[in-house]
Amino acid sequence: MNNPFEQISAAFAPEYRVNLSIERLDGSIMLTLSDDSGVVAKRLVSEAQRNDPVRLQRVIDSIRLGLAIELGQNPLEVLAALTHPQRCPATTLAN
């Protein structure tokens, strides 16, 4: 997937509503994830992060880890699933 906006949306939908908005003149965007209870995460994504697939995936993984911890999941298990997705099904992560 080459489009970073689609990559971000695909990483968190349908579990969360994904809103991307231009935040700064430097090209940064604000990613807001929400559900029926309200906003669950907000992250500023720089232009450099957005345009580098490796860095963008790290941002996505970081957000997933934070969400999983907030949901009471074991951080070590979540990290293992993020670093070795073939061993741990993606459904175990808070997307």
PDB file of N, CA and C in Angstrom:
ATOM      1  N   MET A   1       0.862  -1.167   0.000  1.00  0.00           N
ATOM      2  CA  MET A   1       0.000   0.000   0.000  1.00  0.00           C
ATOM      3  C   MET A   1       0.910   1.233   0.000  1.00  0.00           C
ATOM      4  N   ASN A   2       0.807   2.052  -1.003  1.00  0.00           N
ATOM      5  CA  ASN A   2       1.689   3.206  -1.144  1.00  0.00           C
ATOM      6  C   ASN A   2       1.121   4.490  -0.559  1.00  0.00           C
ATOM      7  N   ASN A   3      -0.172   4.579  -0.442  1.00  0.00           N
ATOM      8  CA  ASN A   3      -0.793   5.792   0.064  1.00  0.00           C
ATOM      9  C   ASN A   3      -0.780   5.779   1.599  1.00  0.00           C
ATOM     10  N   PRO A   4      -0.044   6.697   2.224  1.00  0.00           N
ATOM     11  CA  PRO A   4       0.041   6.672   3.685  1.00  0.00           C
ATOM     12  C   PRO A   4      -1.300   6.909   4.377  1.00  0.00           C
ATOM     13  N   PHE A   5      -2.167   7.685   3.774  1.00  0.00           N
ATOM     14  CA  PHE A   5      -3.478   7.935   4.374  1.00  0.00           C
ATOM     15  C   PHE A   5      -4.312   6.657   4.385  1.00  0.00           C
ATOM     16  N   GLU A   6      -4.243   5.891   3.298  1.00  0.00           N
ATOM     17  CA  GLU A   6      -4.947   4.612   3.243  1.00  0.00           C
ATOM     18  C   GLU A   6      -4.341   3.619   4.226  1.00  0.00           C
ATOM     19  N   GLN A   7      -3.015   3.636   4.356  1.00  0.00           N
ATOM     20  CA  GLN A   7      -2.341   2.731   5.284  1.00  0.00           C
ATOM     21  C   GLN A   7      -2.777   3.014   6.719  1.00  0.00           C
ATOM     22  N   ILE A   8      -2.837   4.276   7.079  1.00  0.00           N
ATOM     23  CA  ILE A   8      -3.273   4.644   8.430  1.00  0.00           C
ATOM     24  C   ILE A   8      -4.724   4.230   8.644  1.00  0.00           C
ATOM     25  N   SER A   9      -5.580   4.543   7.697  1.00  0.00           N
ATOM     26  CA  SER A   9      -6.996   4.194   7.829  1.00  0.00           C
ATOM     27  C   SER A   9      -7.188   2.690   7.937  1.00  0.00           C
ATOM     28  N   ALA A  10      -6.494   1.930   7.096  1.00  0.00           N
ATOM     29  CA  ALA A  10      -6.629   0.475   7.100  1.00  0.00           C
ATOM     30  C   ALA A  10      -6.135  -0.135   8.409  1.00  0.00           C
ATOM     31  N   ALA A  11      -5.162   0.502   9.036  1.00  0.00           N
ATOM     32  CA  ALA A  11      -4.601  -0.032  10.278  1.00  0.00           C
ATOM     33  C   ALA A  11      -5.584   0.036  11.445  1.00  0.00           C
ATOM     34  N   PHE A  12      -6.506   0.992  11.413  1.00  0.00           N
ATOM     35  CA  PHE A  12      -7.369   1.204  12.572  1.00  0.00           C
ATOM     36  C   PHE A  12      -8.862   1.025  12.306  1.00  0.00           C
ATOM     37  N   ALA A  13      -9.287   1.061  11.066  1.00  0.00           N
ATOM     38  CA  ALA A  13     -10.697   0.839  10.749  1.00  0.00           C
ATOM     39  C   ALA A  13     -10.915  -0.670  10.636  1.00  0.00           C
ATOM     40  N   PRO A  14     -12.037  -1.205  10.945  1.00  0.00           N
ATOM     41  CA  PRO A  14     -13.281  -0.561  11.357  1.00  0.00           C
ATOM     42  C   PRO A  14     -13.421  -0.382  12.867  1.00  0.00           C
ATOM     43  N   GLU A  15     -12.383  -0.763  13.655  1.00  0.00           N
ATOM     44  CA  GLU A  15     -12.505  -0.634  15.111  1.00  0.00           C
ATOM     45  C   GLU A  15     -12.666   0.814  15.561  1.00  0.00           C
ATOM     46  N   TYR A  16     -12.045   1.719  14.825  1.00  0.00           N
ATOM     47  CA  TYR A  16     -12.095   3.132  15.189  1.00  0.00           C
ATOM     48  C   TYR A  16     -12.449   3.982  13.980  1.00  0.00           C
ATOM     49  N   ARG A  17     -13.060   5.129  14.254  1.00  0.00           N
ATOM     50  CA  ARG A  17     -13.239   6.126  13.201  1.00  0.00           C
ATOM     51  C   ARG A  17     -11.924   6.877  13.082  1.00  0.00           C
ATOM     52  N   VAL A  18     -11.447   7.005  11.867  1.00  0.00           N
ATOM     53  CA  VAL A  18     -10.149   7.627  11.614  1.00  0.00           C
ATOM     54  C   VAL A  18     -10.375   8.994  10.986  1.00  0.00           C
ATOM     55  N   ASN A  19      -9.796  10.028  11.609  1.00  0.00           N
ATOM     56  CA  ASN A  19      -9.881  11.380  11.068  1.00  0.00           C
ATOM     57  C   ASN A  19      -8.461  11.897  10.900  1.00  0.00           C
ATOM     58  N   LEU A  20      -8.131  12.306   9.693  1.00  0.00           N
ATOM     59  CA  LEU A  20      -6.824  12.886   9.394  1.00  0.00           C
ATOM     60  C   LEU A  20      -7.035  14.334   8.991  1.00  0.00           C
ATOM     61  N   SER A  21      -6.323  15.240   9.650  1.00  0.00           N
ATOM     62  CA  SER A  21      -6.478  16.656   9.320  1.00  0.00           C
ATOM     63  C   SER A  21      -5.106  17.320   9.249  1.00  0.00           C
ATOM     64  N   ILE A  22      -5.007  18.298   8.372  1.00  0.00           N
ATOM     65  CA  ILE A  22      -3.766  19.056   8.254  1.00  0.00           C
ATOM     66  C   ILE A  22      -3.611  19.869   9.527  1.00  0.00           C
ATOM     67  N   GLU A  23      -2.460  19.740  10.155  1.00  0.00           N
ATOM     68  CA  GLU A  23      -2.248  20.385  11.446  1.00  0.00           C
ATOM     69  C   GLU A  23      -1.325  21.594  11.348  1.00  0.00           C
ATOM     70  N   ARG A  24      -0.294  21.481  10.528  1.00  0.00           N
ATOM     71  CA  ARG A  24       0.708  22.546  10.466  1.00  0.00           C
ATOM     72  C   ARG A  24       1.132  22.792   9.028  1.00  0.00           C
ATOM     73  N   LEU A  25       1.743  23.936   8.813  1.00  0.00           N
ATOM     74  CA  LEU A  25       2.227  24.277   7.478  1.00  0.00           C
ATOM     75  C   LEU A  25       3.409  23.418   7.050  1.00  0.00           C
ATOM     76  N   ASP A  26       4.065  22.752   8.010  1.00  0.00           N
ATOM     77  CA  ASP A  26       5.207  21.904   7.666  1.00  0.00           C
ATOM     78  C   ASP A  26       4.790  20.549   7.094  1.00  0.00           C
ATOM     79  N   GLY A  27       3.495  20.326   6.951  1.00  0.00           N
ATOM     80  CA  GLY A  27       3.004  19.073   6.376  1.00  0.00           C
ATOM     81  C   GLY A  27       2.569  18.049   7.396  1.00  0.00           C
ATOM     82  N   SER A  28       2.655  18.374   8.680  1.00  0.00           N
ATOM     83  CA  SER A  28       2.219  17.452   9.723  1.00  0.00           C
ATOM     84  C   SER A  28       0.704  17.290   9.674  1.00  0.00           C
ATOM     85  N   ILE A  29       0.261  16.088  10.013  1.00  0.00           N
ATOM     86  CA  ILE A  29      -1.173  15.824  10.085  1.00  0.00           C
ATOM     87  C   ILE A  29      -1.516  15.336  11.487  1.00  0.00           C
ATOM     88  N   MET A  30      -2.750  15.593  11.889  1.00  0.00           N
ATOM     89  CA  MET A  30      -3.239  15.098  13.165  1.00  0.00           C
ATOM     90  C   MET A  30      -4.104  13.875  12.877  1.00  0.00           C
ATOM     91  N   LEU A  31      -3.745  12.771  13.512  1.00  0.00           N
ATOM     92  CA  LEU A  31      -4.525  11.545  13.426  1.00  0.00           C
ATOM     93  C   LEU A  31      -5.373  11.462  14.685  1.00  0.00           C
ATOM     94  N   THR A  32      -6.674  11.369  14.510  1.00  0.00           N
ATOM     95  CA  THR A  32      -7.588  11.227  15.634  1.00  0.00           C
ATOM     96  C   THR A  32      -8.368   9.940  15.453  1.00  0.00           C
ATOM     97  N   LEU A  33      -8.320   9.089  16.472  1.00  0.00           N
ATOM     98  CA  LEU A  33      -9.089   7.848  16.472  1.00  0.00           C
ATOM     99  C   LEU A  33     -10.199   7.989  17.495  1.00  0.00           C
ATOM    100  N   SER A  34     -11.400   7.609  17.113  1.00  0.00           N
ATOM    101  CA  SER A  34     -12.518   7.702  18.047  1.00  0.00           C
ATOM    102  C   SER A  34     -13.423   6.493  17.890  1.00  0.00           C
ATOM    103  N   ASP A  35     -14.206   6.267  18.926  1.00  0.00           N
ATOM    104  CA  ASP A  35     -15.228   5.234  18.886  1.00  0.00           C
ATOM    105  C   ASP A  35     -16.504   5.832  19.472  1.00  0.00           C
ATOM    106  N   ASP A  36     -17.453   4.990  19.813  1.00  0.00           N
ATOM    107  CA  ASP A  36     -18.729   5.499  20.316  1.00  0.00           C
ATOM    108  C   ASP A  36     -18.588   6.265  21.634  1.00  0.00           C
ATOM    109  N   SER A  37     -17.514   5.994  22.378  1.00  0.00           N
ATOM    110  CA  SER A  37     -17.331   6.695  23.652  1.00  0.00           C
ATOM    111  C   SER A  37     -16.583   8.013  23.499  1.00  0.00           C
ATOM    112  N   GLY A  38     -16.030   8.281  22.313  1.00  0.00           N
ATOM    113  CA  GLY A  38     -15.313   9.533  22.081  1.00  0.00           C
ATOM    114  C   GLY A  38     -13.919   9.298  21.529  1.00  0.00           C
ATOM    115  N   VAL A  39     -13.065  10.286  21.688  1.00  0.00           N
ATOM    116  CA  VAL A  39     -11.698  10.211  21.173  1.00  0.00           C
ATOM    117  C   VAL A  39     -10.893   9.245  22.038  1.00  0.00           C
ATOM    118  N   VAL A  40     -10.221   8.290  21.386  1.00  0.00           N
ATOM    119  CA  VAL A  40      -9.388   7.329  22.112  1.00  0.00           C
ATOM    120  C   VAL A  40      -7.900   7.590  21.916  1.00  0.00           C
ATOM    121  N   ALA A  41      -7.535   8.294  20.841  1.00  0.00           N
ATOM    122  CA  ALA A  41      -6.120   8.604  20.610  1.00  0.00           C
ATOM    123  C   ALA A  41      -5.994   9.763  19.638  1.00  0.00           C
ATOM    124  N   LYS A  42      -4.990  10.593  19.891  1.00  0.00           N
ATOM    125  CA  LYS A  42      -4.627  11.679  18.969  1.00  0.00           C
ATOM    126  C   LYS A  42      -3.116  11.669  18.853  1.00  0.00           C
ATOM    127  N   ARG A  43      -2.628  11.688  17.627  1.00  0.00           N
ATOM    128  CA  ARG A  43      -1.182  11.703  17.408  1.00  0.00           C
ATOM    129  C   ARG A  43      -0.857  12.634  16.261  1.00  0.00           C
ATOM    130  N   LEU A  44       0.203  13.389  16.429  1.00  0.00           N
ATOM    131  CA  LEU A  44       0.723  14.227  15.361  1.00  0.00           C
ATOM    132  C   LEU A  44       1.692  13.377  14.546  1.00  0.00           C
ATOM    133  N   VAL A  45       1.476  13.330  13.243  1.00  0.00           N
ATOM    134  CA  VAL A  45       2.331  12.561  12.340  1.00  0.00           C
ATOM    135  C   VAL A  45       3.040  13.563  11.440  1.00  0.00           C
ATOM    136  N   SER A  46       4.359  13.582  11.537  1.00  0.00           N
ATOM    137  CA  SER A  46       5.130  14.536  10.736  1.00  0.00           C
ATOM    138  C   SER A  46       5.142  14.114   9.269  1.00  0.00           C
ATOM    139  N   GLU A  47       5.496  15.054   8.421  1.00  0.00           N
ATOM    140  CA  GLU A  47       5.596  14.749   6.995  1.00  0.00           C
ATOM    141  C   GLU A  47       6.648  13.666   6.757  1.00  0.00           C
ATOM    142  N   ALA A  48       7.755  13.730   7.482  1.00  0.00           N
ATOM    143  CA  ALA A  48       8.816  12.727   7.328  1.00  0.00           C
ATOM    144  C   ALA A  48       8.320  11.338   7.722  1.00  0.00           C
ATOM    145  N   GLN A  49       7.552  11.246   8.806  1.00  0.00           N
ATOM    146  CA  GLN A  49       6.994   9.956   9.218  1.00  0.00           C
ATOM    147  C   GLN A  49       5.986   9.457   8.193  1.00  0.00           C
ATOM    148  N   ARG A  50       5.162  10.351   7.726  1.00  0.00           N
ATOM    149  CA  ARG A  50       4.116   9.989   6.775  1.00  0.00           C
ATOM    150  C   ARG A  50       4.696   9.489   5.460  1.00  0.00           C
ATOM    151  N   ASN A  51       5.803  10.061   5.024  1.00  0.00           N
ATOM    152  CA  ASN A  51       6.351   9.730   3.711  1.00  0.00           C
ATOM    153  C   ASN A  51       7.386   8.616   3.730  1.00  0.00           C
ATOM    154  N   ASP A  52       7.707   8.087   4.897  1.00  0.00           N
ATOM    155  CA  ASP A  52       8.649   6.975   5.019  1.00  0.00           C
ATOM    156  C   ASP A  52       7.873   5.754   5.516  1.00  0.00           C
ATOM    157  N   PRO A  53       7.708   4.730   4.672  1.00  0.00           N
ATOM    158  CA  PRO A  53       6.895   3.569   5.061  1.00  0.00           C
ATOM    159  C   PRO A  53       7.345   2.902   6.365  1.00  0.00           C
ATOM    160  N   VAL A  54       8.638   2.829   6.610  1.00  0.00           N
ATOM    161  CA  VAL A  54       9.136   2.201   7.836  1.00  0.00           C
ATOM    162  C   VAL A  54       8.763   3.049   9.049  1.00  0.00           C
ATOM    163  N   ARG A  55       8.987   4.336   8.957  1.00  0.00           N
ATOM    164  CA  ARG A  55       8.646   5.230  10.071  1.00  0.00           C
ATOM    165  C   ARG A  55       7.140   5.273  10.298  1.00  0.00           C
ATOM    166  N   LEU A  56       6.368   5.258   9.224  1.00  0.00           N
ATOM    167  CA  LEU A  56       4.915   5.275   9.367  1.00  0.00           C
ATOM    168  C   LEU A  56       4.438   4.010  10.073  1.00  0.00           C
ATOM    169  N   GLN A  57       5.011   2.865   9.725  1.00  0.00           N
ATOM    170  CA  GLN A  57       4.621   1.622  10.393  1.00  0.00           C
ATOM    171  C   GLN A  57       4.983   1.671  11.875  1.00  0.00           C
ATOM    172  N   ARG A  58       6.085   2.292  12.211  1.00  0.00           N
ATOM    173  CA  ARG A  58       6.462   2.445  13.626  1.00  0.00           C
ATOM    174  C   ARG A  58       5.457   3.308  14.373  1.00  0.00           C
ATOM    175  N   VAL A  59       4.985   4.367  13.731  1.00  0.00           N
ATOM    176  CA  VAL A  59       3.960   5.217  14.348  1.00  0.00           C
ATOM    177  C   VAL A  59       2.694   4.402  14.590  1.00  0.00           C
ATOM    178  N   ILE A  60       2.279   3.651  13.586  1.00  0.00           N
ATOM    179  CA  ILE A  60       1.077   2.815  13.706  1.00  0.00           C
ATOM    180  C   ILE A  60       1.249   1.803  14.836  1.00  0.00           C
ATOM    181  N   ASP A  61       2.395   1.126  14.871  1.00  0.00           N
ATOM    182  CA  ASP A  61       2.644   0.139  15.924  1.00  0.00           C
ATOM    183  C   ASP A  61       2.658   0.784  17.305  1.00  0.00           C
ATOM    184  N   SER A  62       3.219   1.971  17.406  1.00  0.00           N
ATOM    185  CA  SER A  62       3.260   2.686  18.677  1.00  0.00           C
ATOM    186  C   SER A  62       1.854   3.011  19.167  1.00  0.00           C
ATOM    187  N   ILE A  63       1.014   3.443  18.262  1.00  0.00           N
ATOM    188  CA  ILE A  63      -0.373   3.757  18.629  1.00  0.00           C
ATOM    189  C   ILE A  63      -1.094   2.486  19.049  1.00  0.00           C
ATOM    190  N   ARG A  64      -0.904   1.404  18.292  1.00  0.00           N
ATOM    191  CA  ARG A  64      -1.530   0.123  18.658  1.00  0.00           C
ATOM    192  C   ARG A  64      -1.091  -0.325  20.049  1.00  0.00           C
ATOM    193  N   LEU A  65       0.189  -0.188  20.340  1.00  0.00           N
ATOM    194  CA  LEU A  65       0.701  -0.579  21.652  1.00  0.00           C
ATOM    195  C   LEU A  65       0.043   0.259  22.748  1.00  0.00           C
ATOM    196  N   GLY A  66      -0.030   1.561  22.546  1.00  0.00           N
ATOM    197  CA  GLY A  66      -0.667   2.426  23.531  1.00  0.00           C
ATOM    198  C   GLY A  66      -2.130   2.079  23.757  1.00  0.00           C
ATOM    199  N   LEU A  67      -2.842   1.801  22.687  1.00  0.00           N
ATOM    200  CA  LEU A  67      -4.253   1.429  22.809  1.00  0.00           C
ATOM    201  C   LEU A  67      -4.406   0.104  23.543  1.00  0.00           C
ATOM    202  N   ALA A  68      -3.550  -0.849  23.221  1.00  0.00           N
ATOM    203  CA  ALA A  68      -3.620  -2.160  23.867  1.00  0.00           C
ATOM    204  C   ALA A  68      -3.352  -2.049  25.364  1.00  0.00           C
ATOM    205  N   ILE A  69      -2.374  -1.245  25.731  1.00  0.00           N
ATOM    206  CA  ILE A  69      -2.064  -1.057  27.150  1.00  0.00           C
ATOM    207  C   ILE A  69      -3.247  -0.416  27.869  1.00  0.00           C
ATOM    208  N   GLU A  70      -3.861   0.573  27.240  1.00  0.00           N
ATOM    209  CA  GLU A  70      -5.028   1.222  27.845  1.00  0.00           C
ATOM    210  C   GLU A  70      -6.184   0.250  28.017  1.00  0.00           C
ATOM    211  N   LEU A  71      -6.255  -0.764  27.150  1.00  0.00           N
ATOM    212  CA  LEU A  71      -7.313  -1.768  27.245  1.00  0.00           C
ATOM    213  C   LEU A  71      -6.957  -2.891  28.212  1.00  0.00           C
ATOM    214  N   GLY A  72      -5.798  -2.779  28.865  1.00  0.00           N
ATOM    215  CA  GLY A  72      -5.411  -3.760  29.868  1.00  0.00           C
ATOM    216  C   GLY A  72      -4.689  -4.980  29.339  1.00  0.00           C
ATOM    217  N   GLN A  73      -4.242  -4.941  28.100  1.00  0.00           N
ATOM    218  CA  GLN A  73      -3.507  -6.075  27.553  1.00  0.00           C
ATOM    219  C   GLN A  73      -2.071  -6.055  28.057  1.00  0.00           C
ATOM    220  N   ASN A  74      -1.440  -7.224  28.091  1.00  0.00           N
ATOM    221  CA  ASN A  74      -0.060  -7.360  28.538  1.00  0.00           C
ATOM    222  C   ASN A  74       0.868  -6.708  27.521  1.00  0.00           C
ATOM    223  N   PRO A  75       1.648  -5.700  27.921  1.00  0.00           N
ATOM    224  CA  PRO A  75       2.524  -5.001  26.969  1.00  0.00           C
ATOM    225  C   PRO A  75       3.537  -5.917  26.281  1.00  0.00           C
ATOM    226  N   LEU A  76       4.058  -6.916  27.001  1.00  0.00           N
ATOM    227  CA  LEU A  76       5.036  -7.818  26.395  1.00  0.00           C
ATOM    228  C   LEU A  76       4.405  -8.671  25.300  1.00  0.00           C
ATOM    229  N   GLU A  77       3.174  -9.122  25.533  1.00  0.00           N
ATOM    230  CA  GLU A  77       2.477  -9.902  24.509  1.00  0.00           C
ATOM    231  C   GLU A  77       2.172  -9.036  23.292  1.00  0.00           C
ATOM    232  N   VAL A  78       1.788  -7.809  23.530  1.00  0.00           N
ATOM    233  CA  VAL A  78       1.481  -6.900  22.425  1.00  0.00           C
ATOM    234  C   VAL A  78       2.740  -6.620  21.618  1.00  0.00           C
ATOM    235  N   LEU A  79       3.846  -6.347  22.299  1.00  0.00           N
ATOM    236  CA  LEU A  79       5.111  -6.113  21.591  1.00  0.00           C
ATOM    237  C   LEU A  79       5.513  -7.331  20.770  1.00  0.00           C
ATOM    238  N   ALA A  80       5.332  -8.522  21.325  1.00  0.00           N
ATOM    239  CA  ALA A  80       5.662  -9.742  20.586  1.00  0.00           C
ATOM    240  C   ALA A  80       4.800  -9.862  19.341  1.00  0.00           C
ATOM    241  N   ALA A  81       3.526  -9.542  19.466  1.00  0.00           N
ATOM    242  CA  ALA A  81       2.630  -9.618  18.314  1.00  0.00           C
ATOM    243  C   ALA A  81       2.996  -8.589  17.252  1.00  0.00           C
ATOM    244  N   LEU A  82       3.455  -7.418  17.681  1.00  0.00           N
ATOM    245  CA  LEU A  82       3.837  -6.380  16.722  1.00  0.00           C
ATOM    246  C   LEU A  82       5.142  -6.716  16.016  1.00  0.00           C
ATOM    247  N   THR A  83       6.062  -7.350  16.724  1.00  0.00           N
ATOM    248  CA  THR A  83       7.361  -7.648  16.124  1.00  0.00           C
ATOM    249  C   THR A  83       7.386  -8.977  15.392  1.00  0.00           C
ATOM    250  N   HIS A  84       6.461  -9.871  15.729  1.00  0.00           N
ATOM    251  CA  HIS A  84       6.390 -11.178  15.074  1.00  0.00           C
ATOM    252  C   HIS A  84       4.941 -11.484  14.710  1.00  0.00           C
ATOM    253  N   PRO A  85       4.354 -10.744  13.767  1.00  0.00           N
ATOM    254  CA  PRO A  85       2.924 -10.913  13.471  1.00  0.00           C
ATOM    255  C   PRO A  85       2.566 -12.301  12.964  1.00  0.00           C
ATOM    256  N   GLN A  86       3.514 -13.039  12.373  1.00  0.00           N
ATOM    257  CA  GLN A  86       3.204 -14.359  11.868  1.00  0.00           C
ATOM    258  C   GLN A  86       2.955 -15.350  13.006  1.00  0.00           C
ATOM    259  N   ARG A  87       3.506 -15.090  14.193  1.00  0.00           N
ATOM    260  CA  ARG A  87       3.313 -15.980  15.331  1.00  0.00           C
ATOM    261  C   ARG A  87       2.060 -15.646  16.122  1.00  0.00           C
ATOM    262  N   CYS A  88       1.624 -14.404  16.051  1.00  0.00           N
ATOM    263  CA  CYS A  88       0.475 -13.950  16.827  1.00  0.00           C
ATOM    264  C   CYS A  88      -0.535 -13.344  15.869  1.00  0.00           C
ATOM    265  N   PRO A  89      -1.742 -13.866  15.851  1.00  0.00           N
ATOM    266  CA  PRO A  89      -2.728 -13.291  14.935  1.00  0.00           C
ATOM    267  C   PRO A  89      -3.001 -11.829  15.242  1.00  0.00           C
ATOM    268  N   ALA A  90      -3.226 -11.062  14.200  1.00  0.00           N
ATOM    269  CA  ALA A  90      -3.472  -9.625  14.348  1.00  0.00           C
ATOM    270  C   ALA A  90      -4.717  -9.338  15.169  1.00  0.00           C
ATOM    271  N   THR A  91      -5.630 -10.296  15.224  1.00  0.00           N
ATOM    272  CA  THR A  91      -6.860 -10.060  15.971  1.00  0.00           C
ATOM    273  C   THR A  91      -6.611  -9.949  17.463  1.00  0.00           C
ATOM    274  N   THR A  92      -5.404 -10.350  17.941  1.00  0.00           N
ATOM    275  CA  THR A  92      -5.138 -10.225  19.367  1.00  0.00           C
ATOM    276  C   THR A  92      -4.737  -8.814  19.746  1.00  0.00           C
ATOM    277  N   LEU A  93      -4.466  -7.987  18.756  1.00  0.00           N
ATOM    278  CA  LEU A  93      -4.052  -6.615  19.023  1.00  0.00           C
ATOM    279  C   LEU A  93      -5.248  -5.691  19.028  1.00  0.00           C
ATOM    280  N   ALA A  94      -5.155  -4.668  19.794  1.00  0.00           N
ATOM    281  CA  ALA A  94      -6.175  -3.623  19.750  1.00  0.00           C
ATOM    282  C   ALA A  94      -5.883  -2.778  18.534  1.00  0.00           C
ATOM    283  N   ASN A  95      -6.646  -2.959  17.513  1.00  0.00           N
ATOM    284  CA  ASN A  95      -6.410  -2.204  16.267  1.00  0.00           C
ATOM    285  C   ASN A  95      -7.043  -0.866  16.340  1.00  0.00           C
TER     286      ASN A  95
END
